[in-house]
Amino acid sequence: YLYFRLKKVGSFLSPHISSTDTDLYLLINGQRAPLETLPNGSYY
Protein backbone atom coordinates (compact mmCIF):
# COMPACT_ATOMS: atom_id res chain seq x y z
CA TYR A 1 0.00 0.00 0.00
CA LEU A 2 1.16 3.50 -0.83
CA TYR A 3 0.46 6.48 1.42
CA PHE A 4 1.09 10.22 1.00
CA ARG A 5 -0.39 13.70 1.47
CA LEU A 6 -0.77 16.40 -1.16
CA LYS A 7 -1.20 20.15 -0.70
CA LYS A 8 -1.74 22.80 -3.31
CA VAL A 9 0.26 25.92 -2.49
CA GLY A 10 -1.52 29.26 -2.90
CA SER A 11 -5.04 27.85 -3.09
CA PHE A 12 -7.81 30.23 -2.00
CA LEU A 13 -9.76 27.25 -0.68
CA SER A 14 -8.39 24.47 1.55
CA PRO A 15 -4.80 23.62 0.60
CA HIS A 16 -5.53 19.92 1.09
CA ILE A 17 -6.23 17.90 -2.01
CA SER A 18 -9.67 16.26 -1.99
CA SER A 19 -11.55 13.71 -4.09
CA THR A 20 -13.35 16.58 -5.85
CA ASP A 21 -10.15 18.34 -6.89
CA THR A 22 -9.89 18.65 -10.65
CA ASP A 23 -6.23 19.69 -10.75
CA LEU A 24 -4.87 16.16 -10.51
CA TYR A 25 -5.80 12.50 -10.85
CA LEU A 26 -4.24 9.06 -10.40
CA LEU A 27 -3.09 6.55 -12.99
CA ILE A 28 -2.96 2.84 -12.10
CA ASN A 29 -1.69 0.63 -14.90
CA GLY A 30 -2.34 3.50 -17.29
CA GLN A 31 -6.01 3.78 -16.31
CA ARG A 32 -7.45 6.82 -14.58
CA ALA A 33 -8.33 6.04 -10.95
CA PRO A 34 -10.23 8.04 -8.32
CA LEU A 35 -8.27 10.06 -5.77
CA GLU A 36 -10.14 9.36 -2.54
CA THR A 37 -8.48 11.30 0.27
CA LEU A 38 -9.06 11.89 3.97
CA PRO A 39 -9.97 15.42 5.18
CA ASN A 40 -6.31 16.26 5.82
CA GLY A 41 -5.33 15.37 2.26
CA SER A 42 -3.93 11.93 3.16
CA TYR A 43 -4.25 9.21 0.56
CA TYR A 44 -4.13 5.44 1.06
ModelCIF file with pLDDT and N, C-alpha, C, O atoms, coordinates in Angstrom:
data_MODEL
#
_entry.id   MODEL 
#
_entity.id                         1 
_entity.type                       polymer 
_entity.pdbx_number_of_molecules   1 
#
_entity_poly.entity_id                      1 
_entity_poly.type                           'polypeptide(L)' 
_entity_poly.nstd_linkage                   no 
_entity_poly.nstd_monomer                   no 
_entity_poly.pdbx_seq_one_letter_code       YLYFRLKKVGSFLSPHISSTDTDLYLLINGQRAPLETLPNGSYY 
_entity_poly.pdbx_seq_one_letter_code_can   YLYFRLKKVGSFLSPHISSTDTDLYLLINGQRAPLETLPNGSYY 
_entity_poly.pdbx_strand_id                 A 
#
loop_
_entity_poly_seq.entity_id 
_entity_poly_seq.num 
_entity_poly_seq.mon_id 
_entity_poly_seq.hetero 
1 1  TYR n 
1 2  LEU n 
1 3  TYR n 
1 4  PHE n 
1 5  ARG n 
1 6  LEU n 
1 7  LYS n 
1 8  LYS n 
1 9  VAL n 
1 10 GLY n 
1 11 SER n 
1 12 PHE n 
1 13 LEU n 
1 14 SER n 
1 15 PRO n 
1 16 HIS n 
1 17 ILE n 
1 18 SER n 
1 19 SER n 
1 20 THR n 
1 21 ASP n 
1 22 THR n 
1 23 ASP n 
1 24 LEU n 
1 25 TYR n 
1 26 LEU n 
1 27 LEU n 
1 28 ILE n 
1 29 ASN n 
1 30 GLY n 
1 31 GLN n 
1 32 ARG n 
1 33 ALA n 
1 34 PRO n 
1 35 LEU n 
1 36 GLU n 
1 37 THR n 
1 38 LEU n 
1 39 PRO n 
1 40 ASN n 
1 41 GLY n 
1 42 SER n 
1 43 TYR n 
1 44 TYR n 
#
_struct_asym.id          A 
_struct_asym.entity_id   1 
#
loop_
_ma_qa_metric.id 
_ma_qa_metric.mode 
_ma_qa_metric.name 
_ma_qa_metric.software_group_id 
_ma_qa_metric.type 
1 global pLDDT . pLDDT 
2 local  pLDDT . pLDDT 
#
_ma_qa_metric_global.metric_id      1 
_ma_qa_metric_global.metric_value   81.45 
_ma_qa_metric_global.model_id       1 
_ma_qa_metric_global.ordinal_id     1 
#
loop_
_ma_qa_metric_local.label_asym_id 
_ma_qa_metric_local.label_comp_id 
_ma_qa_metric_local.label_seq_id 
_ma_qa_metric_local.metric_id 
_ma_qa_metric_local.metric_value 
_ma_qa_metric_local.model_id 
_ma_qa_metric_local.ordinal_id 
A TYR 1  2 95.00 1 1  
A LEU 2  2 95.00 1 2  
A TYR 3  2 94.00 1 3  
A PHE 4  2 91.00 1 4  
A ARG 5  2 88.00 1 5  
A LEU 6  2 85.00 1 6  
A LYS 7  2 84.00 1 7  
A LYS 8  2 81.00 1 8  
A VAL 9  2 81.00 1 9  
A GLY 10 2 72.00 1 10 
A SER 11 2 62.00 1 11 
A PHE 12 2 55.00 1 12 
A LEU 13 2 58.00 1 13 
A SER 14 2 61.00 1 14 
A PRO 15 2 71.00 1 15 
A HIS 16 2 72.00 1 16 
A ILE 17 2 75.00 1 17 
A SER 18 2 72.00 1 18 
A SER 19 2 69.00 1 19 
A THR 20 2 72.00 1 20 
A ASP 21 2 72.00 1 21 
A THR 22 2 72.00 1 22 
A ASP 23 2 77.00 1 23 
A LEU 24 2 83.00 1 24 
A TYR 25 2 87.00 1 25 
A LEU 26 2 91.00 1 26 
A LEU 27 2 91.00 1 27 
A ILE 28 2 94.00 1 28 
A ASN 29 2 94.00 1 29 
A GLY 30 2 88.00 1 30 
A GLN 31 2 92.00 1 31 
A ARG 32 2 90.00 1 32 
A ALA 33 2 88.00 1 33 
A PRO 34 2 82.00 1 34 
A LEU 35 2 83.00 1 35 
A GLU 36 2 85.00 1 36 
A THR 37 2 86.00 1 37 
A LEU 38 2 85.00 1 38 
A PRO 39 2 80.00 1 39 
A ASN 40 2 80.00 1 40 
A GLY 41 2 79.00 1 41 
A SER 42 2 88.00 1 42 
A TYR 43 2 91.00 1 43 
A TYR 44 2 93.00 1 44 
#
loop_
_atom_site.group_PDB 
_atom_site.id 
_atom_site.type_symbol 
_atom_site.label_atom_id 
_atom_site.label_alt_id 
_atom_site.label_comp_id 
_atom_site.label_asym_id 
_atom_site.label_entity_id 
_atom_site.label_seq_id 
_atom_site.pdbx_PDB_ins_code 
_atom_site.Cartn_x 
_atom_site.Cartn_y 
_atom_site.Cartn_z 
_atom_site.occupancy 
_atom_site.B_iso_or_equiv 
_atom_site.pdbx_formal_charge 
_atom_site.auth_seq_id 
_atom_site.auth_comp_id 
_atom_site.auth_asym_id 
_atom_site.auth_atom_id 
_atom_site.pdbx_PDB_model_num 
ATOM 1   N N  . TYR A 1 1  ? 0.844   -1.198 0.000   1.00 95.00 ? 1  TYR A N  1 
ATOM 2   C CA . TYR A 1 1  ? 0.000   0.000  0.000   1.00 95.00 ? 1  TYR A CA 1 
ATOM 3   C C  . TYR A 1 1  ? 0.876   1.244  0.000   1.00 95.00 ? 1  TYR A C  1 
ATOM 4   O O  . TYR A 1 1  ? 1.908   1.293  0.670   1.00 95.00 ? 1  TYR A O  1 
ATOM 5   N N  . LEU A 1 2  ? 0.457   2.234  -0.750  1.00 95.00 ? 2  LEU A N  1 
ATOM 6   C CA . LEU A 1 2  ? 1.164   3.501  -0.833  1.00 95.00 ? 2  LEU A CA 1 
ATOM 7   C C  . LEU A 1 2  ? 0.377   4.577  -0.089  1.00 95.00 ? 2  LEU A C  1 
ATOM 8   O O  . LEU A 1 2  ? -0.847  4.650  -0.193  1.00 95.00 ? 2  LEU A O  1 
ATOM 9   N N  . TYR A 1 3  ? 1.088   5.402  0.654   1.00 94.00 ? 3  TYR A N  1 
ATOM 10  C CA . TYR A 1 3  ? 0.455   6.484  1.423   1.00 94.00 ? 3  TYR A CA 1 
ATOM 11  C C  . TYR A 1 3  ? 1.213   7.780  1.174   1.00 94.00 ? 3  TYR A C  1 
ATOM 12  O O  . TYR A 1 3  ? 2.441   7.781  1.083   1.00 94.00 ? 3  TYR A O  1 
ATOM 13  N N  . PHE A 1 4  ? 0.463   8.903  1.063   1.00 91.00 ? 4  PHE A N  1 
ATOM 14  C CA . PHE A 1 4  ? 1.093   10.220 1.004   1.00 91.00 ? 4  PHE A CA 1 
ATOM 15  C C  . PHE A 1 4  ? 0.042   11.289 1.262   1.00 91.00 ? 4  PHE A C  1 
ATOM 16  O O  . PHE A 1 4  ? -1.149  10.997 1.373   1.00 91.00 ? 4  PHE A O  1 
ATOM 17  N N  . ARG A 1 5  ? 0.502   12.527 1.355   1.00 88.00 ? 5  ARG A N  1 
ATOM 18  C CA . ARG A 1 5  ? -0.388  13.695 1.466   1.00 88.00 ? 5  ARG A CA 1 
ATOM 19  C C  . ARG A 1 5  ? -0.003  14.705 0.392   1.00 88.00 ? 5  ARG A C  1 
ATOM 20  O O  . ARG A 1 5  ? 1.172   14.859 0.060   1.00 88.00 ? 5  ARG A O  1 
ATOM 21  N N  . LEU A 1 6  ? -0.996  15.382 -0.138  1.00 85.00 ? 6  LEU A N  1 
ATOM 22  C CA . LEU A 1 6  ? -0.768  16.395 -1.162  1.00 85.00 ? 6  LEU A CA 1 
ATOM 23  C C  . LEU A 1 6  ? -1.410  17.720 -0.752  1.00 85.00 ? 6  LEU A C  1 
ATOM 24  O O  . LEU A 1 6  ? -2.541  17.751 -0.268  1.00 85.00 ? 6  LEU A O  1 
ATOM 25  N N  . LYS A 1 7  ? -0.675  18.809 -0.950  1.00 84.00 ? 7  LYS A N  1 
ATOM 26  C CA . LYS A 1 7  ? -1.198  20.153 -0.699  1.00 84.00 ? 7  LYS A CA 1 
ATOM 27  C C  . LYS A 1 7  ? -0.946  21.009 -1.930  1.00 84.00 ? 7  LYS A C  1 
ATOM 28  O O  . LYS A 1 7  ? 0.091   20.904 -2.585  1.00 84.00 ? 7  LYS A O  1 
ATOM 29  N N  . LYS A 1 8  ? -1.911  21.849 -2.222  1.00 81.00 ? 8  LYS A N  1 
ATOM 30  C CA . LYS A 1 8  ? -1.744  22.797 -3.309  1.00 81.00 ? 8  LYS A CA 1 
ATOM 31  C C  . LYS A 1 8  ? -1.397  24.152 -2.716  1.00 81.00 ? 8  LYS A C  1 
ATOM 32  O O  . LYS A 1 8  ? -2.182  24.723 -1.960  1.00 81.00 ? 8  LYS A O  1 
ATOM 33  N N  . VAL A 1 9  ? -0.234  24.661 -3.054  1.00 81.00 ? 9  VAL A N  1 
ATOM 34  C CA . VAL A 1 9  ? 0.258   25.920 -2.490  1.00 81.00 ? 9  VAL A CA 1 
ATOM 35  C C  . VAL A 1 9  ? -0.440  27.089 -3.164  1.00 81.00 ? 9  VAL A C  1 
ATOM 36  O O  . VAL A 1 9  ? -0.564  27.124 -4.388  1.00 81.00 ? 9  VAL A O  1 
ATOM 37  N N  . GLY A 1 10 ? -0.904  28.063 -2.352  1.00 72.00 ? 10 GLY A N  1 
ATOM 38  C CA . GLY A 1 10 ? -1.519  29.264 -2.896  1.00 72.00 ? 10 GLY A CA 1 
ATOM 39  C C  . GLY A 1 10 ? -2.983  29.119 -3.235  1.00 72.00 ? 10 GLY A C  1 
ATOM 40  O O  . GLY A 1 10 ? -3.550  29.994 -3.890  1.00 72.00 ? 10 GLY A O  1 
ATOM 41  N N  . SER A 1 11 ? -3.617  28.033 -2.805  1.00 62.00 ? 11 SER A N  1 
ATOM 42  C CA . SER A 1 11 ? -5.038  27.846 -3.092  1.00 62.00 ? 11 SER A CA 1 
ATOM 43  C C  . SER A 1 11 ? -5.874  28.758 -2.207  1.00 62.00 ? 11 SER A C  1 
ATOM 44  O O  . SER A 1 11 ? -5.589  28.905 -1.019  1.00 62.00 ? 11 SER A O  1 
ATOM 45  N N  . PHE A 1 12 ? -6.918  29.378 -2.787  1.00 55.00 ? 12 PHE A N  1 
ATOM 46  C CA . PHE A 1 12 ? -7.813  30.229 -2.003  1.00 55.00 ? 12 PHE A CA 1 
ATOM 47  C C  . PHE A 1 12 ? -8.723  29.392 -1.104  1.00 55.00 ? 12 PHE A C  1 
ATOM 48  O O  . PHE A 1 12 ? -9.195  29.869 -0.072  1.00 55.00 ? 12 PHE A O  1 
ATOM 49  N N  . LEU A 1 13 ? -8.962  28.158 -1.498  1.00 58.00 ? 13 LEU A N  1 
ATOM 50  C CA . LEU A 1 13 ? -9.759  27.251 -0.675  1.00 58.00 ? 13 LEU A CA 1 
ATOM 51  C C  . LEU A 1 13 ? -8.812  26.461 0.226   1.00 58.00 ? 13 LEU A C  1 
ATOM 52  O O  . LEU A 1 13 ? -7.686  26.897 0.467   1.00 58.00 ? 13 LEU A O  1 
ATOM 53  N N  . SER A 1 14 ? -9.250  25.305 0.725   1.00 61.00 ? 14 SER A N  1 
ATOM 54  C CA . SER A 1 14 ? -8.386  24.466 1.555   1.00 61.00 ? 14 SER A CA 1 
ATOM 55  C C  . SER A 1 14 ? -7.184  24.010 0.754   1.00 61.00 ? 14 SER A C  1 
ATOM 56  O O  . SER A 1 14 ? -7.330  23.609 -0.401  1.00 61.00 ? 14 SER A O  1 
ATOM 57  N N  . PRO A 1 15 ? -5.980  24.064 1.352   1.00 71.00 ? 15 PRO A N  1 
ATOM 58  C CA . PRO A 1 15 ? -4.798  23.617 0.598   1.00 71.00 ? 15 PRO A CA 1 
ATOM 59  C C  . PRO A 1 15 ? -4.756  22.104 0.411   1.00 71.00 ? 15 PRO A C  1 
ATOM 60  O O  . PRO A 1 15 ? -4.000  21.601 -0.419  1.00 71.00 ? 15 PRO A O  1 
ATOM 61  N N  . HIS A 1 16 ? -5.569  21.377 1.182   1.00 72.00 ? 16 HIS A N  1 
ATOM 62  C CA . HIS A 1 16 ? -5.527  19.924 1.091   1.00 72.00 ? 16 HIS A CA 1 
ATOM 63  C C  . HIS A 1 16 ? -6.240  19.434 -0.165  1.00 72.00 ? 16 HIS A C  1 
ATOM 64  O O  . HIS A 1 16 ? -7.323  19.909 -0.507  1.00 72.00 ? 16 HIS A O  1 
ATOM 65  N N  . ILE A 1 17 ? -5.623  18.492 -0.832  1.00 75.00 ? 17 ILE A N  1 
ATOM 66  C CA . ILE A 1 17 ? -6.230  17.897 -2.009  1.00 75.00 ? 17 ILE A CA 1 
ATOM 67  C C  . ILE A 1 17 ? -7.402  17.016 -1.582  1.00 75.00 ? 17 ILE A C  1 
ATOM 68  O O  . ILE A 1 17 ? -7.305  16.298 -0.586  1.00 75.00 ? 17 ILE A O  1 
ATOM 69  N N  . SER A 1 18 ? -8.489  17.064 -2.313  1.00 72.00 ? 18 SER A N  1 
ATOM 70  C CA . SER A 1 18 ? -9.666  16.256 -1.993  1.00 72.00 ? 18 SER A CA 1 
ATOM 71  C C  . SER A 1 18 ? -10.090 15.456 -3.214  1.00 72.00 ? 18 SER A C  1 
ATOM 72  O O  . SER A 1 18 ? -9.554  15.630 -4.308  1.00 72.00 ? 18 SER A O  1 
ATOM 73  N N  . SER A 1 19 ? -11.068 14.570 -3.005  1.00 69.00 ? 19 SER A N  1 
ATOM 74  C CA . SER A 1 19 ? -11.547 13.715 -4.089  1.00 69.00 ? 19 SER A CA 1 
ATOM 75  C C  . SER A 1 19 ? -12.264 14.516 -5.171  1.00 69.00 ? 19 SER A C  1 
ATOM 76  O O  . SER A 1 19 ? -12.454 14.019 -6.282  1.00 69.00 ? 19 SER A O  1 
ATOM 77  N N  . THR A 1 20 ? -12.663 15.748 -4.862  1.00 72.00 ? 20 THR A N  1 
ATOM 78  C CA . THR A 1 20 ? -13.354 16.577 -5.854  1.00 72.00 ? 20 THR A CA 1 
ATOM 79  C C  . THR A 1 20 ? -12.402 17.507 -6.586  1.00 72.00 ? 20 THR A C  1 
ATOM 80  O O  . THR A 1 20 ? -12.829 18.270 -7.452  1.00 72.00 ? 20 THR A O  1 
ATOM 81  N N  . ASP A 1 21 ? -11.117 17.455 -6.253  1.00 72.00 ? 21 ASP A N  1 
ATOM 82  C CA . ASP A 1 21 ? -10.145 18.336 -6.886  1.00 72.00 ? 21 ASP A CA 1 
ATOM 83  C C  . ASP A 1 21 ? -9.958  17.948 -8.344  1.00 72.00 ? 21 ASP A C  1 
ATOM 84  O O  . ASP A 1 21 ? -9.764  16.774 -8.662  1.00 72.00 ? 21 ASP A O  1 
ATOM 85  N N  . THR A 1 22 ? -10.015 18.909 -9.202  1.00 72.00 ? 22 THR A N  1 
ATOM 86  C CA . THR A 1 22 ? -9.892  18.645 -10.645 1.00 72.00 ? 22 THR A CA 1 
ATOM 87  C C  . THR A 1 22 ? -8.495  18.927 -11.179 1.00 72.00 ? 22 THR A C  1 
ATOM 88  O O  . THR A 1 22 ? -8.250  18.778 -12.376 1.00 72.00 ? 22 THR A O  1 
ATOM 89  N N  . ASP A 1 23 ? -7.570  19.334 -10.300 1.00 77.00 ? 23 ASP A N  1 
ATOM 90  C CA . ASP A 1 23 ? -6.235  19.688 -10.754 1.00 77.00 ? 23 ASP A CA 1 
ATOM 91  C C  . ASP A 1 23 ? -5.299  18.493 -10.863 1.00 77.00 ? 23 ASP A C  1 
ATOM 92  O O  . ASP A 1 23 ? -4.186  18.627 -11.371 1.00 77.00 ? 23 ASP A O  1 
ATOM 93  N N  . LEU A 1 24 ? -5.729  17.336 -10.399 1.00 83.00 ? 24 LEU A N  1 
ATOM 94  C CA . LEU A 1 24 ? -4.873  16.165 -10.515 1.00 83.00 ? 24 LEU A CA 1 
ATOM 95  C C  . LEU A 1 24 ? -5.707  14.897 -10.431 1.00 83.00 ? 24 LEU A C  1 
ATOM 96  O O  . LEU A 1 24 ? -6.832  14.912 -9.932  1.00 83.00 ? 24 LEU A O  1 
ATOM 97  N N  . TYR A 1 25 ? -5.140  13.795 -10.926 1.00 87.00 ? 25 TYR A N  1 
ATOM 98  C CA . TYR A 1 25 ? -5.800  12.503 -10.850 1.00 87.00 ? 25 TYR A CA 1 
ATOM 99  C C  . TYR A 1 25 ? -4.732  11.422 -10.828 1.00 87.00 ? 25 TYR A C  1 
ATOM 100 O O  . TYR A 1 25 ? -3.560  11.686 -11.095 1.00 87.00 ? 25 TYR A O  1 
ATOM 101 N N  . LEU A 1 26 ? -5.152  10.188 -10.504 1.00 91.00 ? 26 LEU A N  1 
ATOM 102 C CA . LEU A 1 26 ? -4.238  9.063  -10.402 1.00 91.00 ? 26 LEU A CA 1 
ATOM 103 C C  . LEU A 1 26 ? -4.271  8.222  -11.665 1.00 91.00 ? 26 LEU A C  1 
ATOM 104 O O  . LEU A 1 26 ? -5.263  8.199  -12.393 1.00 91.00 ? 26 LEU A O  1 
ATOM 105 N N  . LEU A 1 27 ? -3.170  7.533  -11.907 1.00 91.00 ? 27 LEU A N  1 
ATOM 106 C CA . LEU A 1 27 ? -3.090  6.553  -12.991 1.00 91.00 ? 27 LEU A CA 1 
ATOM 107 C C  . LEU A 1 27 ? -2.585  5.239  -12.400 1.00 91.00 ? 27 LEU A C  1 
ATOM 108 O O  . LEU A 1 27 ? -1.496  5.196  -11.828 1.00 91.00 ? 27 LEU A O  1 
ATOM 109 N N  . ILE A 1 28 ? -3.367  4.169  -12.534 1.00 94.00 ? 28 ILE A N  1 
ATOM 110 C CA . ILE A 1 28 ? -2.960  2.840  -12.096 1.00 94.00 ? 28 ILE A CA 1 
ATOM 111 C C  . ILE A 1 28 ? -3.005  1.928  -13.307 1.00 94.00 ? 28 ILE A C  1 
ATOM 112 O O  . ILE A 1 28 ? -4.062  1.697  -13.893 1.00 94.00 ? 28 ILE A O  1 
ATOM 113 N N  . ASN A 1 29 ? -1.837  1.413  -13.673 1.00 94.00 ? 29 ASN A N  1 
ATOM 114 C CA . ASN A 1 29 ? -1.692  0.627  -14.905 1.00 94.00 ? 29 ASN A CA 1 
ATOM 115 C C  . ASN A 1 29 ? -2.228  1.383  -16.122 1.00 94.00 ? 29 ASN A C  1 
ATOM 116 O O  . ASN A 1 29 ? -2.863  0.801  -17.002 1.00 94.00 ? 29 ASN A O  1 
ATOM 117 N N  . GLY A 1 30 ? -1.963  2.679  -16.154 1.00 88.00 ? 30 GLY A N  1 
ATOM 118 C CA . GLY A 1 30 ? -2.340  3.502  -17.290 1.00 88.00 ? 30 GLY A CA 1 
ATOM 119 C C  . GLY A 1 30 ? -3.793  3.929  -17.320 1.00 88.00 ? 30 GLY A C  1 
ATOM 120 O O  . GLY A 1 30 ? -4.200  4.687  -18.200 1.00 88.00 ? 30 GLY A O  1 
ATOM 121 N N  . GLN A 1 31 ? -4.589  3.442  -16.355 1.00 92.00 ? 31 GLN A N  1 
ATOM 122 C CA . GLN A 1 31 ? -6.008  3.784  -16.315 1.00 92.00 ? 31 GLN A CA 1 
ATOM 123 C C  . GLN A 1 31 ? -6.272  4.821  -15.227 1.00 92.00 ? 31 GLN A C  1 
ATOM 124 O O  . GLN A 1 31 ? -5.720  4.750  -14.130 1.00 92.00 ? 31 GLN A O  1 
ATOM 125 N N  . ARG A 1 32 ? -7.124  5.777  -15.555 1.00 90.00 ? 32 ARG A N  1 
ATOM 126 C CA . ARG A 1 32 ? -7.453  6.816  -14.578 1.00 90.00 ? 32 ARG A CA 1 
ATOM 127 C C  . ARG A 1 32 ? -8.180  6.209  -13.383 1.00 90.00 ? 32 ARG A C  1 
ATOM 128 O O  . ARG A 1 32 ? -9.104  5.413  -13.551 1.00 90.00 ? 32 ARG A O  1 
ATOM 129 N N  . ALA A 1 33 ? -7.763  6.585  -12.179 1.00 88.00 ? 33 ALA A N  1 
ATOM 130 C CA . ALA A 1 33 ? -8.329  6.038  -10.946 1.00 88.00 ? 33 ALA A CA 1 
ATOM 131 C C  . ALA A 1 33 ? -8.748  7.175  -10.039 1.00 88.00 ? 33 ALA A C  1 
ATOM 132 O O  . ALA A 1 33 ? -8.149  8.250  -10.089 1.00 88.00 ? 33 ALA A O  1 
ATOM 133 N N  . PRO A 1 34 ? -9.778  6.967  -9.198  1.00 82.00 ? 34 PRO A N  1 
ATOM 134 C CA . PRO A 1 34 ? -10.233 8.039  -8.315  1.00 82.00 ? 34 PRO A CA 1 
ATOM 135 C C  . PRO A 1 34 ? -9.220  8.353  -7.225  1.00 82.00 ? 34 PRO A C  1 
ATOM 136 O O  . PRO A 1 34 ? -8.535  7.460  -6.725  1.00 82.00 ? 34 PRO A O  1 
ATOM 137 N N  . LEU A 1 35 ? -9.131  9.613  -6.865  1.00 83.00 ? 35 LEU A N  1 
ATOM 138 C CA . LEU A 1 35 ? -8.268  10.061 -5.769  1.00 83.00 ? 35 LEU A CA 1 
ATOM 139 C C  . LEU A 1 35 ? -9.163  10.291 -4.552  1.00 83.00 ? 35 LEU A C  1 
ATOM 140 O O  . LEU A 1 35 ? -9.736  11.369 -4.392  1.00 83.00 ? 35 LEU A O  1 
ATOM 141 N N  . GLU A 1 36 ? -9.277  9.293  -3.714  1.00 85.00 ? 36 GLU A N  1 
ATOM 142 C CA . GLU A 1 36 ? -10.145 9.364  -2.542  1.00 85.00 ? 36 GLU A CA 1 
ATOM 143 C C  . GLU A 1 36 ? -9.274  9.636  -1.321  1.00 85.00 ? 36 GLU A C  1 
ATOM 144 O O  . GLU A 1 36 ? -8.548  8.759  -0.854  1.00 85.00 ? 36 GLU A O  1 
ATOM 145 N N  . THR A 1 37 ? -9.357  10.864 -0.811  1.00 86.00 ? 37 THR A N  1 
ATOM 146 C CA . THR A 1 37 ? -8.479  11.298 0.275   1.00 86.00 ? 37 THR A CA 1 
ATOM 147 C C  . THR A 1 37 ? -9.254  11.491 1.563   1.00 86.00 ? 37 THR A C  1 
ATOM 148 O O  . THR A 1 37 ? -10.480 11.599 1.562   1.00 86.00 ? 37 THR A O  1 
ATOM 149 N N  . LEU A 1 38 ? -8.507  11.533 2.673   1.00 85.00 ? 38 LEU A N  1 
ATOM 150 C CA . LEU A 1 38 ? -9.060  11.895 3.971   1.00 85.00 ? 38 LEU A CA 1 
ATOM 151 C C  . LEU A 1 38 ? -9.129  13.420 4.062   1.00 85.00 ? 38 LEU A C  1 
ATOM 152 O O  . LEU A 1 38 ? -8.548  14.111 3.225   1.00 85.00 ? 38 LEU A O  1 
ATOM 153 N N  . PRO A 1 39 ? -9.836  13.956 5.074   1.00 80.00 ? 39 PRO A N  1 
ATOM 154 C CA . PRO A 1 39 ? -9.971  15.417 5.176   1.00 80.00 ? 39 PRO A CA 1 
ATOM 155 C C  . PRO A 1 39 ? -8.653  16.183 5.227   1.00 80.00 ? 39 PRO A C  1 
ATOM 156 O O  . PRO A 1 39 ? -8.593  17.336 4.800   1.00 80.00 ? 39 PRO A O  1 
ATOM 157 N N  . ASN A 1 40 ? -7.597  15.557 5.746   1.00 80.00 ? 40 ASN A N  1 
ATOM 158 C CA . ASN A 1 40 ? -6.311  16.261 5.822   1.00 80.00 ? 40 ASN A CA 1 
ATOM 159 C C  . ASN A 1 40 ? -5.459  16.068 4.574   1.00 80.00 ? 40 ASN A C  1 
ATOM 160 O O  . ASN A 1 40 ? -4.271  16.391 4.578   1.00 80.00 ? 40 ASN A O  1 
ATOM 161 N N  . GLY A 1 41 ? -6.054  15.545 3.510   1.00 79.00 ? 41 GLY A N  1 
ATOM 162 C CA . GLY A 1 41 ? -5.326  15.365 2.261   1.00 79.00 ? 41 GLY A CA 1 
ATOM 163 C C  . GLY A 1 41 ? -4.534  14.081 2.172   1.00 79.00 ? 41 GLY A C  1 
ATOM 164 O O  . GLY A 1 41 ? -3.810  13.873 1.199   1.00 79.00 ? 41 GLY A O  1 
ATOM 165 N N  . SER A 1 42 ? -4.655  13.199 3.179   1.00 88.00 ? 42 SER A N  1 
ATOM 166 C CA . SER A 1 42 ? -3.927  11.929 3.160   1.00 88.00 ? 42 SER A CA 1 
ATOM 167 C C  . SER A 1 42 ? -4.579  10.961 2.176   1.00 88.00 ? 42 SER A C  1 
ATOM 168 O O  . SER A 1 42 ? -5.799  10.946 2.014   1.00 88.00 ? 42 SER A O  1 
ATOM 169 N N  . TYR A 1 43 ? -3.757  10.167 1.535   1.00 91.00 ? 43 TYR A N  1 
ATOM 170 C CA . TYR A 1 43 ? -4.248  9.206  0.557   1.00 91.00 ? 43 TYR A CA 1 
ATOM 171 C C  . TYR A 1 43 ? -3.666  7.840  0.859   1.00 91.00 ? 43 TYR A C  1 
ATOM 172 O O  . TYR A 1 43 ? -2.452  7.691  1.003   1.00 91.00 ? 43 TYR A O  1 
ATOM 173 N N  . TYR A 1 44 ? -4.536  6.836  0.954   1.00 93.00 ? 44 TYR A N  1 
ATOM 174 C CA . TYR A 1 44 ? -4.128  5.440  1.061   1.00 93.00 ? 44 TYR A CA 1 
ATOM 175 C C  . TYR A 1 44 ? -4.565  4.734  -0.216  1.00 93.00 ? 44 TYR A C  1 
ATOM 176 O O  . TYR A 1 44 ? -4.332  3.535  -0.369  1.00 93.00 ? 44 TYR A O  1 
#
